[in-house]
Structures are given as C-alpha cells and as structure tokens.
Amino acid sequence: MPTALSARARALLEKPVLAHLATLMKDGSPQVSPLWVDTDGTNVLVNTAEGRIKSRNVRRDARVALSLTDPENQYATLLIRGRVVEVRAQGAREHIDRLSQKYVGHAYSHRPGEVRLILVIEPERVGGSGA
C-alpha cells in the first residue's frame, strides 16, 4: 500500500543528496548503488542506464529500499521501502540532464548509444528522522 511523502521527505529528496538504493539480486542478496535521486512529489525517481544491474534487478523483483542522509545534519535521515512501479525510457535523457544540473551544475555527459531509464519508486514505508 502506498505511503505519502511528507513535506520534510520531499524537501530532502529535492536537495542534491546522494542516496543509496538497495535492489535484490537473483539469489535474494542485496545490491546497493549510490545514486542521484529526485521526486515528482508522490514517487521517488532515480535514473539509470539500460543493462545496469539495478535495472535488471528491479525488472525481476520490484522491491527496493533507499537511504538518504542530509549533508547539513548527519542525524537527519530518510529511509524508504517501496516498489518500482514503472521503468520508462521516455523523458529519461532529459531527467538525467536535470539531475546532473542539480548535483554537479552542468549537463550529463551522455555515452553514445546509452539508453537512460527512469525508475519510478512508489513508497510503501517511509521513516527516519527526516521523514
């Protein structure tokens, strides 16, 4: 069942905070990737490339977890468990450019032939002191 993101959670997701995304490998073991993160106000959005381990993992098992720590206050954390409800290529190239601007101040350096994907994560449990 979906859970709404609080105003504090949305504010932290809108900052250039590095997140850690946990996905599940074929054998059930966790795989964690640091990445840039975004929100549409309801869902958490992450961007990856086709063929990467996280895109393969979420197509097989949509369950994920995210962890963020506010760099301005190491005790302000946001912990999200949810499901990837959509994997889409449409708009993903523009999305990674916006994330790159947010995090490093310039457009993303696209690799020739790379297909970008947006993973749309529906929060099911939201916790932490920044929740």
C-alpha atoms as a PDB file:
ATOM      1  CA  MET A   1       0.000   0.000   0.000  1.00  0.00           C
ATOM      2  CA  PRO A   2       1.458   3.394  -0.996  1.00  0.00           C
ATOM      3  CA  THR A   3       2.556   5.883   1.656  1.00  0.00           C
ATOM      4  CA  ALA A   4       2.620   9.638   1.122  1.00  0.00           C
ATOM      5  CA  LEU A   5       5.906  11.503   1.316  1.00  0.00           C
ATOM      6  CA  SER A   6       5.880  14.211   3.979  1.00  0.00           C
ATOM      7  CA  ALA A   7       6.941  17.769   3.200  1.00  0.00           C
ATOM      8  CA  ARG A   8      10.250  17.080   5.056  1.00  0.00           C
ATOM      9  CA  ALA A   9      10.857  13.943   2.993  1.00  0.00           C
ATOM     10  CA  ARG A  10      10.133  15.773  -0.276  1.00  0.00           C
ATOM     11  CA  ALA A  11      12.432  18.630   0.750  1.00  0.00           C
ATOM     12  CA  LEU A  12      15.315  16.224   1.401  1.00  0.00           C
ATOM     13  CA  LEU A  13      14.694  14.410  -1.910  1.00  0.00           C
ATOM     14  CA  GLU A  14      14.820  17.761  -3.716  1.00  0.00           C
ATOM     15  CA  LYS A  15      18.270  18.576  -2.281  1.00  0.00           C
ATOM     16  CA  PRO A  16      21.419  17.318  -4.031  1.00  0.00           C
ATOM     17  CA  VAL A  17      21.737  14.459  -1.533  1.00  0.00           C
ATOM     18  CA  LEU A  18      23.399  11.214  -2.555  1.00  0.00           C
ATOM     19  CA  ALA A  19      21.057   8.267  -1.976  1.00  0.00           C
ATOM     20  CA  HIS A  20      21.800   4.571  -1.650  1.00  0.00           C
ATOM     21  CA  LEU A  21      19.408   2.256  -3.472  1.00  0.00           C
ATOM     22  CA  ALA A  22      19.171  -1.395  -2.470  1.00  0.00           C
ATOM     23  CA  THR A  23      17.828  -3.885  -5.011  1.00  0.00           C
ATOM     24  CA  LEU A  24      17.655  -7.663  -4.833  1.00  0.00           C
ATOM     25  CA  MET A  25      19.910  -9.989  -6.779  1.00  0.00           C
ATOM     26  CA  LYS A  26      18.641 -13.215  -8.350  1.00  0.00           C
ATOM     27  CA  ASP A  27      19.762 -15.176  -5.272  1.00  0.00           C
ATOM     28  CA  GLY A  28      17.963 -12.734  -2.916  1.00  0.00           C
ATOM     29  CA  SER A  29      21.103 -10.993  -1.694  1.00  0.00           C
ATOM     30  CA  PRO A  30      21.085  -7.186  -1.568  1.00  0.00           C
ATOM     31  CA  GLN A  31      22.912  -4.991  -4.067  1.00  0.00           C
ATOM     32  CA  VAL A  32      23.446  -1.322  -3.155  1.00  0.00           C
ATOM     33  CA  SER A  33      24.195   1.555  -5.522  1.00  0.00           C
ATOM     34  CA  PRO A  34      24.880   5.196  -4.638  1.00  0.00           C
ATOM     35  CA  LEU A  35      22.932   7.469  -6.981  1.00  0.00           C
ATOM     36  CA  TRP A  36      21.234  10.766  -7.618  1.00  0.00           C
ATOM     37  CA  VAL A  37      17.597  10.986  -6.612  1.00  0.00           C
ATOM     38  CA  ASP A  38      14.530  13.055  -7.427  1.00  0.00           C
ATOM     39  CA  THR A  39      10.826  13.159  -6.645  1.00  0.00           C
ATOM     40  CA  ASP A  40       7.671  14.021  -8.523  1.00  0.00           C
ATOM     41  CA  GLY A  41       6.062  14.851  -5.169  1.00  0.00           C
ATOM     42  CA  THR A  42       4.450  11.418  -4.819  1.00  0.00           C
ATOM     43  CA  ASN A  43       7.067   8.944  -6.001  1.00  0.00           C
ATOM     44  CA  VAL A  44      10.845   8.744  -5.827  1.00  0.00           C
ATOM     45  CA  LEU A  45      12.600   8.905  -9.200  1.00  0.00           C
ATOM     46  CA  VAL A  46      16.034   7.526  -9.955  1.00  0.00           C
ATOM     47  CA  ASN A  47      17.827   7.385 -13.267  1.00  0.00           C
ATOM     48  CA  THR A  48      19.960   4.552 -14.558  1.00  0.00           C
ATOM     49  CA  ALA A  49      21.055   3.061 -17.851  1.00  0.00           C
ATOM     50  CA  GLU A  50      19.615   0.036 -19.617  1.00  0.00           C
ATOM     51  CA  GLY A  51      21.618  -3.086 -18.796  1.00  0.00           C
ATOM     52  CA  ARG A  52      22.911  -1.961 -15.416  1.00  0.00           C
ATOM     53  CA  ILE A  53      22.455  -4.345 -12.514  1.00  0.00           C
ATOM     54  CA  LYS A  54      19.801  -2.220 -10.798  1.00  0.00           C
ATOM     55  CA  SER A  55      17.628  -2.072 -13.921  1.00  0.00           C
ATOM     56  CA  ARG A  56      17.896  -5.850 -14.332  1.00  0.00           C
ATOM     57  CA  ASN A  57      17.185  -6.455 -10.648  1.00  0.00           C
ATOM     58  CA  VAL A  58      14.045  -4.288 -10.449  1.00  0.00           C
ATOM     59  CA  ARG A  59      12.546  -5.875 -13.553  1.00  0.00           C
ATOM     60  CA  ARG A  60      12.818  -9.251 -11.831  1.00  0.00           C
ATOM     61  CA  ASP A  61      11.899  -8.086  -8.293  1.00  0.00           C
ATOM     62  CA  ALA A  62      10.423  -4.604  -7.887  1.00  0.00           C
ATOM     63  CA  ARG A  63      11.131  -4.322  -4.144  1.00  0.00           C
ATOM     64  CA  VAL A  64      13.705  -1.658  -3.245  1.00  0.00           C
ATOM     65  CA  ALA A  65      14.956   0.394  -0.313  1.00  0.00           C
ATOM     66  CA  LEU A  66      16.524   3.850  -0.267  1.00  0.00           C
ATOM     67  CA  SER A  67      18.588   5.595   2.375  1.00  0.00           C
ATOM     68  CA  LEU A  68      19.496   9.297   2.413  1.00  0.00           C
ATOM     69  CA  THR A  69      21.358  11.415   4.964  1.00  0.00           C
ATOM     70  CA  ASP A  70      21.154  15.188   4.934  1.00  0.00           C
ATOM     71  CA  PRO A  71      24.735  16.505   4.484  1.00  0.00           C
ATOM     72  CA  GLU A  72      23.818  19.534   6.619  1.00  0.00           C
ATOM     73  CA  ASN A  73      22.713  17.302   9.525  1.00  0.00           C
ATOM     74  CA  GLN A  74      24.028  13.745   9.675  1.00  0.00           C
ATOM     75  CA  TYR A  75      21.217  12.802  12.060  1.00  0.00           C
ATOM     76  CA  ALA A  76      18.513  13.773   9.552  1.00  0.00           C
ATOM     77  CA  THR A  77      17.879  10.572   7.631  1.00  0.00           C
ATOM     78  CA  LEU A  78      15.223   9.370   5.234  1.00  0.00           C
ATOM     79  CA  LEU A  79      14.559   5.657   4.842  1.00  0.00           C
ATOM     80  CA  ILE A  80      12.147   4.455   2.173  1.00  0.00           C
ATOM     81  CA  ARG A  81      10.985   0.990   1.265  1.00  0.00           C
ATOM     82  CA  GLY A  82       8.841   0.584  -1.805  1.00  0.00           C
ATOM     83  CA  ARG A  83       8.373  -0.881  -5.242  1.00  0.00           C
ATOM     84  CA  VAL A  84       9.431   0.156  -8.704  1.00  0.00           C
ATOM     85  CA  VAL A  85       6.049   0.636 -10.362  1.00  0.00           C
ATOM     86  CA  GLU A  86       7.361   1.851 -13.707  1.00  0.00           C
ATOM     87  CA  VAL A  87      10.555   1.658 -15.734  1.00  0.00           C
ATOM     88  CA  ARG A  88      10.463   4.165 -18.569  1.00  0.00           C
ATOM     89  CA  ALA A  89      12.835   5.470 -21.191  1.00  0.00           C
ATOM     90  CA  GLN A  90      10.587   8.362 -22.243  1.00  0.00           C
ATOM     91  CA  GLY A  91      11.997  11.584 -20.777  1.00  0.00           C
ATOM     92  CA  ALA A  92      14.906   9.765 -19.098  1.00  0.00           C
ATOM     93  CA  ARG A  93      17.620  11.558 -21.063  1.00  0.00           C
ATOM     94  CA  GLU A  94      16.198  14.959 -20.069  1.00  0.00           C
ATOM     95  CA  HIS A  95      15.755  13.730 -16.500  1.00  0.00           C
ATOM     96  CA  ILE A  96      19.438  12.763 -16.129  1.00  0.00           C
ATOM     97  CA  ASP A  97      20.385  16.196 -17.522  1.00  0.00           C
ATOM     98  CA  ARG A  98      18.226  17.871 -14.820  1.00  0.00           C
ATOM     99  CA  LEU A  99      19.751  15.643 -12.129  1.00  0.00           C
ATOM    100  CA  SER A 100      23.240  16.448 -13.373  1.00  0.00           C
ATOM    101  CA  GLN A 101      22.472  20.182 -13.157  1.00  0.00           C
ATOM    102  CA  LYS A 102      21.134  19.689  -9.628  1.00  0.00           C
ATOM    103  CA  TYR A 103      24.114  17.648  -8.412  1.00  0.00           C
ATOM    104  CA  VAL A 104      27.143  18.929 -10.360  1.00  0.00           C
ATOM    105  CA  GLY A 105      25.977  22.103 -12.101  1.00  0.00           C
ATOM    106  CA  HIS A 106      26.200  21.011 -15.735  1.00  0.00           C
ATOM    107  CA  ALA A 107      24.529  18.711 -18.263  1.00  0.00           C
ATOM    108  CA  TYR A 108      25.204  14.992 -18.115  1.00  0.00           C
ATOM    109  CA  SER A 109      27.940  13.617 -20.357  1.00  0.00           C
ATOM    110  CA  HIS A 110      25.946  11.118 -22.429  1.00  0.00           C
ATOM    111  CA  ARG A 111      27.630   7.972 -23.704  1.00  0.00           C
ATOM    112  CA  PRO A 112      26.950   7.118 -27.351  1.00  0.00           C
ATOM    113  CA  GLY A 113      24.146   4.573 -27.645  1.00  0.00           C
ATOM    114  CA  GLU A 114      23.313   4.642 -23.934  1.00  0.00           C
ATOM    115  CA  VAL A 115      19.603   4.231 -23.184  1.00  0.00           C
ATOM    116  CA  ARG A 116      18.615   6.042 -19.989  1.00  0.00           C
ATOM    117  CA  LEU A 117      15.768   4.833 -17.785  1.00  0.00           C
ATOM    118  CA  ILE A 118      13.698   6.387 -15.027  1.00  0.00           C
ATOM    119  CA  LEU A 119      12.803   4.028 -12.188  1.00  0.00           C
ATOM    120  CA  VAL A 120       9.577   5.246 -10.562  1.00  0.00           C
ATOM    121  CA  ILE A 121       9.505   4.084  -6.937  1.00  0.00           C
ATOM    122  CA  GLU A 122       6.221   4.076  -5.051  1.00  0.00           C
ATOM    123  CA  PRO A 123       6.965   4.485  -1.315  1.00  0.00           C
ATOM    124  CA  GLU A 124       5.348   1.879   0.932  1.00  0.00           C
ATOM    125  CA  ARG A 125       7.153   2.671   4.191  1.00  0.00           C
ATOM    126  CA  VAL A 126       8.828   5.961   4.981  1.00  0.00           C
ATOM    127  CA  GLY A 127      10.855   6.522   8.137  1.00  0.00           C
ATOM    128  CA  GLY A 128      13.901   8.154   9.614  1.00  0.00           C
ATOM    129  CA  SER A 129      14.276  11.489  11.355  1.00  0.00           C
ATOM    130  CA  GLY A 130      13.805  13.326   8.051  1.00  0.00           C
ATOM    131  CA  ALA A 131      10.516  11.568   7.295  1.00  0.00           C
END
